[in-house]
Protein backbone atom coordinates (compact mmCIF):
# COMPACT_ATOMS: atom_id res chain seq x y z
CA MET A 1 68.23 148.56 77.64
CA ILE A 2 71.21 150.58 76.44
CA ILE A 3 72.58 150.86 79.98
CA LEU A 4 72.37 147.11 80.54
CA ASN A 5 74.00 146.47 77.20
CA ASN A 6 76.83 148.87 78.06
CA GLN A 7 77.39 147.17 81.44
CA TYR A 8 77.47 143.78 79.77
CA ILE A 9 80.06 144.96 77.24
CA GLN A 10 82.18 146.49 80.02
CA GLN A 11 82.15 143.20 81.94
CA LEU A 12 83.13 141.27 78.81
CA ASN A 13 85.99 143.68 78.18
CA PHE A 14 87.13 143.38 81.80
CA ARG A 15 87.15 139.59 81.62
CA THR A 16 89.08 139.67 78.35
CA LEU A 17 91.69 141.96 79.90
CA ILE A 18 91.95 139.94 83.09
CA ILE A 19 92.39 136.63 81.22
CA GLU A 20 95.43 138.08 79.41
CA LEU A 21 97.21 138.77 82.71
CA PRO A 22 99.50 136.28 84.45
CA VAL A 23 97.51 134.16 86.91
CA PRO A 24 98.70 135.82 90.16
CA GLN A 25 97.74 139.22 88.76
CA ARG A 26 94.37 137.83 87.68
CA LEU A 27 93.58 136.98 91.28
CA GLN A 28 94.63 140.44 92.48
CA GLN A 29 92.65 142.29 89.83
CA PHE A 30 89.58 140.12 90.38
CA LYS A 31 89.64 140.71 94.14
CA HIS A 32 90.09 144.44 93.63
CA HIS A 33 87.37 144.79 90.99
CA PHE A 34 84.79 142.67 92.79
CA ALA A 35 85.79 143.57 96.37
CA PRO A 36 82.25 144.29 97.65
CA SER A 37 80.88 140.93 96.50
CA VAL A 38 83.90 138.62 96.53
CA ASN A 39 82.87 137.03 99.86
CA TYR A 40 79.53 135.96 98.39
CA LEU A 41 80.92 134.26 95.29
CA LYS A 42 81.59 130.54 95.12
CA LYS A 43 85.26 129.72 94.66
CA LYS A 44 84.48 127.23 91.88
CA ASP A 45 82.69 129.98 89.95
CA VAL A 46 85.59 132.37 90.48
CA ALA A 47 88.02 129.72 89.22
CA ALA A 48 85.91 129.19 86.11
CA TYR A 49 85.64 132.95 85.51
CA LEU A 50 89.41 133.39 85.84
CA ASN A 51 90.14 130.25 83.81
CA VAL A 52 92.32 128.71 86.54
CA SER A 53 92.07 125.38 88.31
CA TYR A 54 90.08 125.26 91.50
CA ASN A 55 93.04 123.78 93.41
CA TYR A 56 95.31 126.62 92.27
CA LEU A 57 92.73 129.20 93.30
CA ILE A 58 92.31 127.71 96.77
CA ALA A 59 96.07 127.45 97.30
CA ASN A 60 96.64 131.08 96.31
CA TRP A 61 93.47 132.78 97.53
């Protein structure tokens, strides 16, 4: 339970840090952090996670 809680807190902290970055850097950091699984994620979910529009994400992916 403690390990899962720690992982959850780390992911929340990562998202908080990534949201504070300029949008182009958000995309870079997201791709780097989630490199092993980025191909399996839906673009609309990635856009929501990064708080950017879907059209912007597709244009700059």
